[in-house]
C-alpha atoms as a PDB file:
ATOM      1  CA  MET A   1     162.244 158.055 158.196  1.00  0.00           C
ATOM      2  CA  THR A   2     163.178 160.736 155.733  1.00  0.00           C
ATOM      3  CA  ALA A   3     166.067 159.643 153.474  1.00  0.00           C
ATOM      4  CA  PRO A   4     169.333 161.563 154.032  1.00  0.00           C
ATOM      5  CA  ALA A   5     170.687 163.725 151.281  1.00  0.00           C
ATOM      6  CA  GLU A   6     172.970 162.117 148.642  1.00  0.00           C
ATOM      7  CA  SER A   7     176.460 161.803 149.963  1.00  0.00           C
ATOM      8  CA  ALA A   8     179.610 159.788 149.487  1.00  0.00           C
ATOM      9  CA  ALA A   9     179.219 156.136 150.601  1.00  0.00           C
ATOM     10  CA  VAL A  10     180.491 155.128 153.981  1.00  0.00           C
ATOM     11  CA  LEU A  11     180.442 151.523 152.971  1.00  0.00           C
ATOM     12  CA  GLU A  12     180.592 149.938 149.633  1.00  0.00           C
ATOM     13  CA  VAL A  13     180.328 146.114 149.115  1.00  0.00           C
ATOM     14  CA  GLU A  14     181.066 144.613 145.750  1.00  0.00           C
ATOM     15  CA  SER A  15     180.277 141.050 144.824  1.00  0.00           C
ATOM     16  CA  LEU A  16     180.984 139.860 148.299  1.00  0.00           C
ATOM     17  CA  THR A  17     181.161 136.255 148.772  1.00  0.00           C
ATOM     18  CA  LYS A  18     181.670 133.973 151.871  1.00  0.00           C
ATOM     19  CA  HIS A  19     181.861 130.153 151.395  1.00  0.00           C
ATOM     20  CA  PHE A  20     182.363 127.799 154.347  1.00  0.00           C
ATOM     21  CA  PRO A  21     184.080 124.476 153.484  1.00  0.00           C
ATOM     22  CA  ILE A  22     182.331 121.182 154.382  1.00  0.00           C
ATOM     23  CA  ARG A  23     184.868 118.776 155.779  1.00  0.00           C
ATOM     24  CA  ARG A  24     184.546 114.926 156.201  1.00  0.00           C
ATOM     25  CA  GLY A  25     186.610 111.863 157.007  1.00  0.00           C
ATOM     26  CA  VAL A  26     189.622 111.383 159.163  1.00  0.00           C
ATOM     27  CA  LEU A  27     191.662 113.713 157.024  1.00  0.00           C
ATOM     28  CA  SER A  28     188.913 116.469 156.997  1.00  0.00           C
ATOM     29  CA  ARG A  29     188.875 116.565 153.235  1.00  0.00           C
ATOM     30  CA  VAL A  30     186.841 119.314 151.713  1.00  0.00           C
ATOM     31  CA  VAL A  31     183.844 117.729 150.057  1.00  0.00           C
ATOM     32  CA  GLY A  32     181.748 120.766 149.373  1.00  0.00           C
ATOM     33  CA  GLN A  33     181.064 124.342 150.101  1.00  0.00           C
ATOM     34  CA  VAL A  34     178.185 126.161 152.095  1.00  0.00           C
ATOM     35  CA  ARG A  35     177.492 129.239 150.126  1.00  0.00           C
ATOM     36  CA  ALA A  36     176.323 131.474 152.824  1.00  0.00           C
ATOM     37  CA  LEU A  37     176.959 134.666 150.921  1.00  0.00           C
ATOM     38  CA  ASP A  38     176.988 134.585 147.172  1.00  0.00           C
ATOM     39  CA  GLY A  39     177.893 137.771 145.281  1.00  0.00           C
ATOM     40  CA  VAL A  40     176.252 140.578 147.361  1.00  0.00           C
ATOM     41  CA  SER A  41     176.697 144.358 146.356  1.00  0.00           C
ATOM     42  CA  PHE A  42     175.290 147.527 147.958  1.00  0.00           C
ATOM     43  CA  ALA A  43     176.379 150.770 149.349  1.00  0.00           C
ATOM     44  CA  ILE A  44     175.416 152.887 152.483  1.00  0.00           C
ATOM     45  CA  GLY A  45     175.603 156.627 152.513  1.00  0.00           C
ATOM     46  CA  ARG A  46     176.480 158.796 155.440  1.00  0.00           C
ATOM     47  CA  GLY A  47     173.513 159.007 157.815  1.00  0.00           C
ATOM     48  CA  GLU A  48     171.565 156.234 156.025  1.00  0.00           C
ATOM     49  CA  THR A  49     170.126 152.983 157.286  1.00  0.00           C
ATOM     50  CA  LEU A  50     170.007 149.989 154.914  1.00  0.00           C
ATOM     51  CA  GLY A  51     167.711 147.278 156.254  1.00  0.00           C
ATOM     52  CA  LEU A  52     168.808 143.777 155.395  1.00  0.00           C
ATOM     53  CA  VAL A  53     165.775 141.453 155.673  1.00  0.00           C
ATOM     54  CA  GLY A  54     164.974 137.742 154.859  1.00  0.00           C
ATOM     55  CA  GLU A  55     164.208 134.344 156.440  1.00  0.00           C
ATOM     56  CA  SER A  56     166.561 132.780 158.979  1.00  0.00           C
ATOM     57  CA  GLY A  57     169.666 131.179 157.226  1.00  0.00           C
ATOM     58  CA  CYS A  58     169.545 133.419 154.155  1.00  0.00           C
ATOM     59  CA  GLY A  59     172.867 134.900 154.994  1.00  0.00           C
ATOM     60  CA  LYS A  60     172.152 138.251 156.758  1.00  0.00           C
ATOM     61  CA  SER A  61     174.262 137.819 159.745  1.00  0.00           C
ATOM     62  CA  THR A  62     177.198 136.271 157.699  1.00  0.00           C
ATOM     63  CA  ALA A  63     177.009 139.382 155.515  1.00  0.00           C
ATOM     64  CA  GLY A  64     177.341 141.682 158.645  1.00  0.00           C
ATOM     65  CA  LYS A  65     180.308 139.776 160.157  1.00  0.00           C
ATOM     66  CA  THR A  66     182.064 139.429 156.826  1.00  0.00           C
ATOM     67  CA  ILE A  67     181.768 143.267 156.203  1.00  0.00           C
ATOM     68  CA  LEU A  68     183.233 143.805 159.874  1.00  0.00           C
ATOM     69  CA  LYS A  69     186.055 141.385 158.903  1.00  0.00           C
ATOM     70  CA  LEU A  70     184.956 139.032 161.799  1.00  0.00           C
ATOM     71  CA  LEU A  71     184.885 136.586 158.895  1.00  0.00           C
ATOM     72  CA  GLN A  72     187.412 136.534 156.141  1.00  0.00           C
ATOM     73  CA  PRO A  73     185.594 137.027 152.804  1.00  0.00           C
ATOM     74  CA  THR A  74     186.040 134.312 150.177  1.00  0.00           C
ATOM     75  CA  SER A  75     185.948 136.989 147.421  1.00  0.00           C
ATOM     76  CA  GLY A  76     184.696 140.522 146.603  1.00  0.00           C
ATOM     77  CA  ARG A  77     185.688 143.760 147.917  1.00  0.00           C
ATOM     78  CA  ILE A  78     184.742 145.805 151.035  1.00  0.00           C
ATOM     79  CA  LEU A  79     185.392 149.614 150.976  1.00  0.00           C
ATOM     80  CA  LEU A  80     185.048 151.866 153.998  1.00  0.00           C
ATOM     81  CA  ASP A  81     185.106 155.570 153.193  1.00  0.00           C
ATOM     82  CA  GLY A  82     186.531 154.645 149.747  1.00  0.00           C
ATOM     83  CA  GLU A  83     189.478 152.518 151.247  1.00  0.00           C
ATOM     84  CA  ASP A  84     189.710 148.933 150.262  1.00  0.00           C
ATOM     85  CA  ILE A  85     189.909 146.864 153.583  1.00  0.00           C
ATOM     86  CA  THR A  86     189.240 143.462 152.085  1.00  0.00           C
ATOM     87  CA  ALA A  87     192.654 142.017 152.270  1.00  0.00           C
ATOM     88  CA  LEU A  88     193.917 143.651 155.298  1.00  0.00           C
ATOM     89  CA  ASP A  89     195.163 141.339 158.142  1.00  0.00           C
ATOM     90  CA  ARG A  90     194.555 141.713 161.914  1.00  0.00           C
ATOM     91  CA  ARG A  91     197.321 144.201 162.584  1.00  0.00           C
ATOM     92  CA  THR A  92     196.578 146.472 159.505  1.00  0.00           C
ATOM     93  CA  MET A  93     192.777 146.362 160.108  1.00  0.00           C
ATOM     94  CA  ARG A  94     193.029 147.627 163.549  1.00  0.00           C
ATOM     95  CA  PRO A  95     192.789 151.376 162.844  1.00  0.00           C
ATOM     96  CA  TYR A  96     189.738 150.707 160.783  1.00  0.00           C
ATOM     97  CA  ARG A  97     187.943 148.877 163.571  1.00  0.00           C
ATOM     98  CA  ARG A  98     187.414 152.216 165.348  1.00  0.00           C
ATOM     99  CA  ARG A  99     185.260 153.462 162.473  1.00  0.00           C
ATOM    100  CA  MET A 100     182.967 150.271 162.226  1.00  0.00           C
ATOM    101  CA  GLN A 101     181.256 148.607 165.232  1.00  0.00           C
ATOM    102  CA  ILE A 102     178.515 146.128 165.959  1.00  0.00           C
ATOM    103  CA  VAL A 103     175.521 145.795 168.177  1.00  0.00           C
ATOM    104  CA  PHE A 104     175.002 142.182 168.801  1.00  0.00           C
ATOM    105  CA  GLN A 105     171.525 140.292 168.907  1.00  0.00           C
ATOM    106  CA  ASP A 106     171.732 139.019 172.460  1.00  0.00           C
ATOM    107  CA  PRO A 107     172.255 141.544 175.191  1.00  0.00           C
ATOM    108  CA  TYR A 108     172.367 138.701 177.646  1.00  0.00           C
ATOM    109  CA  ALA A 109     175.327 137.048 175.958  1.00  0.00           C
ATOM    110  CA  SER A 110     177.370 140.038 174.480  1.00  0.00           C
ATOM    111  CA  LEU A 111     178.345 141.652 177.748  1.00  0.00           C
ATOM    112  CA  ASN A 112     180.921 140.335 180.230  1.00  0.00           C
ATOM    113  CA  PRO A 113     178.884 139.290 183.312  1.00  0.00           C
ATOM    114  CA  ARG A 114     182.022 139.967 185.519  1.00  0.00           C
ATOM    115  CA  ALA A 115     182.578 143.650 184.434  1.00  0.00           C
ATOM    116  CA  ARG A 116     180.660 146.647 185.646  1.00  0.00           C
ATOM    117  CA  VAL A 117     178.756 148.541 182.961  1.00  0.00           C
ATOM    118  CA  GLY A 118     181.237 151.493 183.083  1.00  0.00           C
ATOM    119  CA  ASP A 119     184.281 149.214 182.442  1.00  0.00           C
ATOM    120  CA  ILE A 120     182.272 147.440 179.527  1.00  0.00           C
ATOM    121  CA  ILE A 121     181.629 150.777 177.866  1.00  0.00           C
ATOM    122  CA  ALA A 122     185.158 152.003 178.452  1.00  0.00           C
ATOM    123  CA  ALA A 123     186.794 148.832 177.143  1.00  0.00           C
ATOM    124  CA  PRO A 124     187.111 150.043 173.493  1.00  0.00           C
ATOM    125  CA  LEU A 125     188.819 153.277 174.565  1.00  0.00           C
ATOM    126  CA  ALA A 126     191.401 151.326 176.799  1.00  0.00           C
ATOM    127  CA  VAL A 127     192.051 148.700 174.020  1.00  0.00           C
ATOM    128  CA  HIS A 128     192.818 151.489 171.421  1.00  0.00           C
ATOM    129  CA  GLY A 129     194.640 153.603 173.879  1.00  0.00           C
ATOM    130  CA  LEU A 130     192.651 156.828 173.323  1.00  0.00           C
ATOM    131  CA  SER A 131     192.402 158.452 176.670  1.00  0.00           C
ATOM    132  CA  ASP A 132     193.759 158.129 180.331  1.00  0.00           C
ATOM    133  CA  ARG A 133     191.575 156.786 183.109  1.00  0.00           C
ATOM    134  CA  ALA A 134     190.038 160.134 184.099  1.00  0.00           C
ATOM    135  CA  GLU A 135     189.114 160.917 180.543  1.00  0.00           C
ATOM    136  CA  ARG A 136     187.657 157.513 180.024  1.00  0.00           C
ATOM    137  CA  ARG A 137     185.513 158.112 183.062  1.00  0.00           C
ATOM    138  CA  ARG A 138     184.194 161.307 181.723  1.00  0.00           C
ATOM    139  CA  GLN A 139     183.533 159.806 178.360  1.00  0.00           C
ATOM    140  CA  VAL A 140     181.666 156.884 179.796  1.00  0.00           C
ATOM    141  CA  GLY A 141     179.409 159.300 181.832  1.00  0.00           C
ATOM    142  CA  GLU A 142     178.498 161.083 178.516  1.00  0.00           C
ATOM    143  CA  LEU A 143     177.809 157.808 176.762  1.00  0.00           C
ATOM    144  CA  VAL A 144     175.613 156.534 179.563  1.00  0.00           C
ATOM    145  CA  GLU A 145     173.529 159.740 179.351  1.00  0.00           C
ATOM    146  CA  GLN A 146     173.405 159.546 175.577  1.00  0.00           C
ATOM    147  CA  VAL A 147     171.687 156.109 175.596  1.00  0.00           C
ATOM    148  CA  GLY A 148     169.224 156.891 178.409  1.00  0.00           C
ATOM    149  CA  LEU A 149     170.920 155.145 181.418  1.00  0.00           C
ATOM    150  CA  SER A 150     171.319 156.804 184.750  1.00  0.00           C
ATOM    151  CA  PRO A 151     174.898 157.616 186.007  1.00  0.00           C
ATOM    152  CA  ALA A 152     174.365 155.100 188.985  1.00  0.00           C
ATOM    153  CA  GLN A 153     173.823 152.192 186.479  1.00  0.00           C
ATOM    154  CA  ALA A 154     177.472 152.638 185.336  1.00  0.00           C
ATOM    155  CA  GLY A 155     178.411 150.894 188.494  1.00  0.00           C
ATOM    156  CA  SER A 156     176.034 148.036 187.977  1.00  0.00           C
ATOM    157  CA  PHE A 157     176.711 144.493 186.753  1.00  0.00           C
ATOM    158  CA  PRO A 158     174.780 143.380 183.605  1.00  0.00           C
ATOM    159  CA  HIS A 159     172.701 140.936 185.469  1.00  0.00           C
ATOM    160  CA  GLU A 160     171.287 143.797 187.559  1.00  0.00           C
ATOM    161  CA  LEU A 161     169.847 145.491 184.347  1.00  0.00           C
ATOM    162  CA  SER A 162     166.781 144.539 182.150  1.00  0.00           C
ATOM    163  CA  GLY A 163     167.189 143.360 178.620  1.00  0.00           C
ATOM    164  CA  GLY A 164     166.493 146.823 177.195  1.00  0.00           C
ATOM    165  CA  GLN A 165     168.996 148.387 179.561  1.00  0.00           C
ATOM    166  CA  ARG A 166     171.568 145.821 178.631  1.00  0.00           C
ATOM    167  CA  GLN A 167     171.140 146.618 174.992  1.00  0.00           C
ATOM    168  CA  ARG A 168     171.571 150.200 175.666  1.00  0.00           C
ATOM    169  CA  VAL A 169     174.978 149.343 177.145  1.00  0.00           C
ATOM    170  CA  GLY A 170     175.792 147.569 173.996  1.00  0.00           C
ATOM    171  CA  ILE A 171     174.956 150.562 171.943  1.00  0.00           C
ATOM    172  CA  ALA A 172     176.931 152.783 174.278  1.00  0.00           C
ATOM    173  CA  ARG A 173     179.979 150.554 173.791  1.00  0.00           C
ATOM    174  CA  ALA A 174     179.452 150.601 169.996  1.00  0.00           C
ATOM    175  CA  LEU A 175     179.434 154.465 170.037  1.00  0.00           C
ATOM    176  CA  ALA A 176     182.509 154.778 172.414  1.00  0.00           C
ATOM    177  CA  LEU A 177     185.006 154.925 169.508  1.00  0.00           C
ATOM    178  CA  ASN A 178     182.820 157.470 167.530  1.00  0.00           C
ATOM    179  CA  PRO A 179     182.330 155.105 164.497  1.00  0.00           C
ATOM    180  CA  SER A 180     180.898 156.145 161.133  1.00  0.00           C
ATOM    181  CA  LEU A 181     179.190 152.637 160.537  1.00  0.00           C
ATOM    182  CA  ILE A 182     177.357 150.429 162.957  1.00  0.00           C
ATOM    183  CA  VAL A 183     176.256 146.935 161.994  1.00  0.00           C
ATOM    184  CA  CYS A 184     173.072 146.009 164.006  1.00  0.00           C
ATOM    185  CA  ASP A 185     172.697 142.209 163.966  1.00  0.00           C
ATOM    186  CA  GLU A 186     168.967 141.666 165.024  1.00  0.00           C
ATOM    187  CA  PRO A 187     169.533 144.158 167.868  1.00  0.00           C
ATOM    188  CA  VAL A 188     165.957 144.046 169.346  1.00  0.00           C
ATOM    189  CA  SER A 189     164.752 140.549 168.532  1.00  0.00           C
ATOM    190  CA  ALA A 190     165.577 139.322 172.067  1.00  0.00           C
ATOM    191  CA  LEU A 191     163.558 142.199 173.580  1.00  0.00           C
ATOM    192  CA  ASP A 192     159.834 142.622 174.605  1.00  0.00           C
ATOM    193  CA  VAL A 193     157.829 144.355 171.904  1.00  0.00           C
ATOM    194  CA  SER A 194     157.282 147.538 173.994  1.00  0.00           C
ATOM    195  CA  VAL A 195     161.122 147.702 174.854  1.00  0.00           C
ATOM    196  CA  GLN A 196     161.904 147.100 171.081  1.00  0.00           C
ATOM    197  CA  ALA A 197     160.245 150.326 170.250  1.00  0.00           C
ATOM    198  CA  GLN A 198     162.142 152.300 172.884  1.00  0.00           C
ATOM    199  CA  VAL A 199     165.443 150.873 171.610  1.00  0.00           C
ATOM    200  CA  VAL A 200     164.782 151.559 167.878  1.00  0.00           C
ATOM    201  CA  ASN A 201     163.666 155.122 168.670  1.00  0.00           C
ATOM    202  CA  LEU A 202     166.916 155.597 170.486  1.00  0.00           C
ATOM    203  CA  MET A 203     168.914 154.405 167.588  1.00  0.00           C
ATOM    204  CA  VAL A 204     166.925 156.668 165.351  1.00  0.00           C
ATOM    205  CA  ASP A 205     167.596 159.654 167.552  1.00  0.00           C
ATOM    206  CA  LEU A 206     171.362 158.697 167.799  1.00  0.00           C
ATOM    207  CA  GLN A 207     171.608 158.550 164.031  1.00  0.00           C
ATOM    208  CA  ARG A 208     170.236 161.894 163.562  1.00  0.00           C
ATOM    209  CA  ARG A 209     172.331 163.563 166.132  1.00  0.00           C
ATOM    210  CA  LEU A 210     175.701 161.856 165.250  1.00  0.00           C
ATOM    211  CA  GLU A 211     175.134 161.318 161.502  1.00  0.00           C
ATOM    212  CA  LEU A 212     175.614 157.486 161.865  1.00  0.00           C
ATOM    213  CA  SER A 213     175.150 154.926 159.239  1.00  0.00           C
ATOM    214  CA  TYR A 214     173.512 151.612 159.987  1.00  0.00           C
ATOM    215  CA  LEU A 215     173.434 148.235 158.315  1.00  0.00           C
ATOM    216  CA  PHE A 216     170.304 146.942 160.116  1.00  0.00           C
ATOM    217  CA  ILE A 217     169.887 143.189 160.067  1.00  0.00           C
ATOM    218  CA  SER A 218     166.470 141.895 160.971  1.00  0.00           C
ATOM    219  CA  HIS A 219     163.748 139.520 160.100  1.00  0.00           C
ATOM    220  CA  ASP A 220     161.096 141.798 161.523  1.00  0.00           C
ATOM    221  CA  LEU A 221     159.503 143.745 158.679  1.00  0.00           C
ATOM    222  CA  GLY A 222     157.742 146.119 161.123  1.00  0.00           C
ATOM    223  CA  VAL A 223     161.095 147.171 162.709  1.00  0.00           C
ATOM    224  CA  ILE A 224     162.757 147.410 159.213  1.00  0.00           C
ATOM    225  CA  ALA A 225     159.860 149.659 157.985  1.00  0.00           C
ATOM    226  CA  HIS A 226     160.361 152.016 161.003  1.00  0.00           C
ATOM    227  CA  ILE A 227     164.088 152.508 160.873  1.00  0.00           C
ATOM    228  CA  SER A 228     165.280 151.913 157.323  1.00  0.00           C
ATOM    229  CA  HIS A 229     165.750 154.367 154.448  1.00  0.00           C
ATOM    230  CA  ARG A 230     166.364 151.614 152.015  1.00  0.00           C
ATOM    231  CA  VAL A 231     165.604 147.781 152.178  1.00  0.00           C
ATOM    232  CA  ALA A 232     167.622 144.905 150.685  1.00  0.00           C
ATOM    233  CA  VAL A 233     165.741 141.458 150.664  1.00  0.00           C
ATOM    234  CA  MET A 234     168.106 138.513 150.759  1.00  0.00           C
ATOM    235  CA  TYR A 235     167.260 134.964 149.823  1.00  0.00           C
ATOM    236  CA  LEU A 236     169.699 132.091 150.013  1.00  0.00           C
ATOM    237  CA  GLY A 237     172.908 134.133 149.987  1.00  0.00           C
ATOM    238  CA  GLN A 238     171.873 136.669 147.346  1.00  0.00           C
ATOM    239  CA  ILE A 239     170.002 139.930 147.187  1.00  0.00           C
ATOM    240  CA  VAL A 240     166.821 139.520 145.058  1.00  0.00           C
ATOM    241  CA  GLU A 241     165.259 143.093 145.537  1.00  0.00           C
ATOM    242  CA  MET A 242     166.450 146.375 146.837  1.00  0.00           C
ATOM    243  CA  ALA A 243     164.633 149.788 146.960  1.00  0.00           C
ATOM    244  CA  ASP A 244     163.724 152.697 149.108  1.00  0.00           C
ATOM    245  CA  LYS A 245     161.472 151.682 151.939  1.00  0.00           C
ATOM    246  CA  ARG A 246     158.187 153.256 150.635  1.00  0.00           C
ATOM    247  CA  THR A 247     158.614 151.839 147.195  1.00  0.00           C
ATOM    248  CA  LEU A 248     159.431 148.341 148.436  1.00  0.00           C
ATOM    249  CA  PHE A 249     156.541 148.164 151.030  1.00  0.00           C
ATOM    250  CA  ALA A 250     153.870 149.694 148.808  1.00  0.00           C
ATOM    251  CA  ASP A 251     154.789 147.807 145.649  1.00  0.00           C
ATOM    252  CA  PRO A 252     156.960 144.752 146.139  1.00  0.00           C
ATOM    253  CA  ARG A 253     157.964 143.269 142.737  1.00  0.00           C
ATOM    254  CA  HIS A 254     159.906 139.935 143.427  1.00  0.00           C
ATOM    255  CA  PRO A 255     157.753 137.082 144.386  1.00  0.00           C
ATOM    256  CA  TYR A 256     159.837 136.410 147.469  1.00  0.00           C
ATOM    257  CA  THR A 257     159.418 139.817 148.603  1.00  0.00           C
ATOM    258  CA  GLU A 258     155.563 139.722 148.024  1.00  0.00           C
ATOM    259  CA  ALA A 259     155.524 136.425 149.936  1.00  0.00           C
ATOM    260  CA  LEU A 260     157.510 137.869 152.982  1.00  0.00           C
ATOM    261  CA  LEU A 261     155.192 140.934 153.201  1.00  0.00           C
ATOM    262  CA  ALA A 262     152.020 138.848 152.789  1.00  0.00           C
ATOM    263  CA  ALA A 263     153.327 136.395 155.652  1.00  0.00           C
ATOM    264  CA  ALA A 264     153.920 139.392 158.073  1.00  0.00           C
ATOM    265  CA  PRO A 265     151.390 139.722 160.945  1.00  0.00           C
ATOM    266  CA  LYS A 266     148.724 142.379 160.295  1.00  0.00           C
ATOM    267  CA  PRO A 267     146.671 143.861 163.040  1.00  0.00           C
ATOM    268  CA  ASP A 268     142.800 144.013 162.618  1.00  0.00           C
ATOM    269  CA  PRO A 269     141.131 146.687 164.551  1.00  0.00           C
ATOM    270  CA  ARG A 270     137.886 144.703 164.543  1.00  0.00           C
ATOM    271  CA  GLY A 271     139.678 141.898 166.349  1.00  0.00           C
ATOM    272  CA  ARG A 272     139.251 139.169 163.854  1.00  0.00           C
ATOM    273  CA  ARG A 273     141.967 136.692 162.921  1.00  0.00           C
ATOM    274  CA  ARG A 274     143.545 137.326 159.694  1.00  0.00           C
ATOM    275  CA  ARG A 275     144.913 134.396 157.574  1.00  0.00           C
ATOM    276  CA  ASN A 276     148.251 135.527 156.020  1.00  0.00           C
ATOM    277  CA  ALA A 277     149.774 133.926 152.974  1.00  0.00           C
ATOM    278  CA  ILE A 278     152.410 131.256 153.684  1.00  0.00           C
ATOM    279  CA  ILE A 279     155.530 130.745 151.718  1.00  0.00           C
ATOM    280  CA  LYS A 280     155.354 127.178 150.655  1.00  0.00           C
ATOM    281  CA  GLY A 281     158.081 124.733 150.973  1.00  0.00           C
ATOM    282  CA  GLU A 282     161.471 124.973 152.918  1.00  0.00           C
ATOM    283  CA  VAL A 283     164.569 127.000 152.227  1.00  0.00           C
ATOM    284  CA  PRO A 284     166.916 124.857 150.168  1.00  0.00           C
ATOM    285  CA  SER A 285     170.357 124.135 151.487  1.00  0.00           C
ATOM    286  CA  ALA A 286     173.117 126.720 151.077  1.00  0.00           C
ATOM    287  CA  ALA A 287     175.360 123.704 150.341  1.00  0.00           C
ATOM    288  CA  ALA A 288     173.416 122.747 147.177  1.00  0.00           C
ATOM    289  CA  PRO A 289     171.489 125.796 146.012  1.00  0.00           C
ATOM    290  CA  PRO A 290     168.950 125.198 143.250  1.00  0.00           C
ATOM    291  CA  PRO A 291     170.106 125.981 139.667  1.00  0.00           C
ATOM    292  CA  GLY A 292     168.555 129.097 137.833  1.00  0.00           C
ATOM    293  CA  CYS A 293     166.573 131.338 140.313  1.00  0.00           C
ATOM    294  CA  ARG A 294     167.186 130.108 143.778  1.00  0.00           C
ATOM    295  CA  PHE A 295     163.625 130.845 144.648  1.00  0.00           C
ATOM    296  CA  HIS A 296     162.084 128.989 141.798  1.00  0.00           C
ATOM    297  CA  PRO A 297     161.251 125.654 143.791  1.00  0.00           C
ATOM    298  CA  ARG A 298     158.924 127.810 146.028  1.00  0.00           C
ATOM    299  CA  CYS A 299     157.779 130.390 143.405  1.00  0.00           C
ATOM    300  CA  PRO A 300     154.069 130.196 142.126  1.00  0.00           C
ATOM    301  CA  LEU A 301     155.117 132.081 138.978  1.00  0.00           C
ATOM    302  CA  ALA A 302     158.169 129.980 138.076  1.00  0.00           C
ATOM    303  CA  GLU A 303     158.734 129.136 134.328  1.00  0.00           C
ATOM    304  CA  ALA A 304     160.919 126.917 132.515  1.00  0.00           C
ATOM    305  CA  ARG A 305     163.811 129.540 132.296  1.00  0.00           C
ATOM    306  CA  CYS A 306     163.586 130.284 135.984  1.00  0.00           C
ATOM    307  CA  ARG A 307     164.740 126.703 136.567  1.00  0.00           C
ATOM    308  CA  THR A 308     167.912 126.977 134.570  1.00  0.00           C
ATOM    309  CA  LYS A 309     168.950 130.636 134.134  1.00  0.00           C
ATOM    310  CA  PRO A 310     169.989 132.616 137.158  1.00  0.00           C
ATOM    311  CA  PRO A 311     168.490 136.193 137.045  1.00  0.00           C
ATOM    312  CA  LEU A 312     170.725 139.101 137.202  1.00  0.00           C
ATOM    313  CA  LEU A 313     170.189 141.880 139.709  1.00  0.00           C
ATOM    314  CA  ARG A 314     169.189 144.820 137.352  1.00  0.00           C
ATOM    315  CA  ARG A 315     167.836 148.296 137.816  1.00  0.00           C
ATOM    316  CA  ALA A 316     164.115 148.341 137.103  1.00  0.00           C
ATOM    317  CA  ASP A 317     162.174 151.241 135.393  1.00  0.00           C
ATOM    318  CA  ASP A 318     161.423 152.770 138.856  1.00  0.00           C
ATOM    319  CA  GLY A 319     164.985 152.709 140.032  1.00  0.00           C
ATOM    320  CA  ARG A 320     164.834 149.598 142.307  1.00  0.00           C
ATOM    321  CA  LEU A 321     167.242 146.719 141.931  1.00  0.00           C
ATOM    322  CA  LEU A 322     165.497 143.495 141.009  1.00  0.00           C
ATOM    323  CA  ALA A 323     166.539 139.944 140.293  1.00  0.00           C
ATOM    324  CA  CYS A 324     163.527 138.199 138.489  1.00  0.00           C
ATOM    325  CA  HIS A 325     163.043 136.981 134.972  1.00  0.00           C
ATOM    326  CA  LEU A 326     159.198 137.793 135.216  1.00  0.00           C
ATOM    327  CA  ARG A 327     159.152 141.326 136.595  1.00  0.00           C
END
């Protein structure tokens, strides 16, 4: 995808942190913290997709839910179109909900099985009191058409649709309030590969037509490479590298990014099996992250300073952001 022209940021995240308390005993005393998100900063421009990638448990989904205020941040700032929404409570947050929506991972669990598709898509309009019943019916018809469903399917129940069709319903629901930002939390990981491509292409087309901004969360590097303009790589609650898509995939600098790309499946037209590099060791616990660079226990290049001094996320000579002492 071609990167959009420079524009004011739709979303700005500054040193965002989310810690979950660990409670034990009869009195549920706090004995520690799970540092799920630890000082994350980035911005997303209008019409831009930022891909957020990393292993399971690195904090990607927590980042998305905290940005949407589905989880209350521990510290840091969230700005939507330049307005600070970090400390807003449920009531004062309500007008901003219309401008930021989410497409969930599981299209089987994220739709009400007892509601018809048309009612599911119309629900956000009804909740926010934006139109009467006749107008909602008209808007639902437009949204169903936008996402590639037939008008007749508006009267169906979710169980009567395929996985890809259900996810199209989820996308239509997210579009109902005309948001400027959509958080896509692994939106195609539960779908067949052929259906994944159709849904991703639909999202690209909608972005171009409606000038949407996406935070696209995924562990699938192929999907990230197709839909993103820039990519942020997360490891154990922190961003370790961020660059435009072509730069990052052509020349990864952080050892973790290199390992991720090396571990991704690669097709061989001659039909031979290819042995990919494997990241050694397990992801450490977010309740007790390693000192220094959090990747150093698994890094083949680690030096003494990597074990004691945390690297800062700095701008490298080619413009990317990088947190590594050695690169």
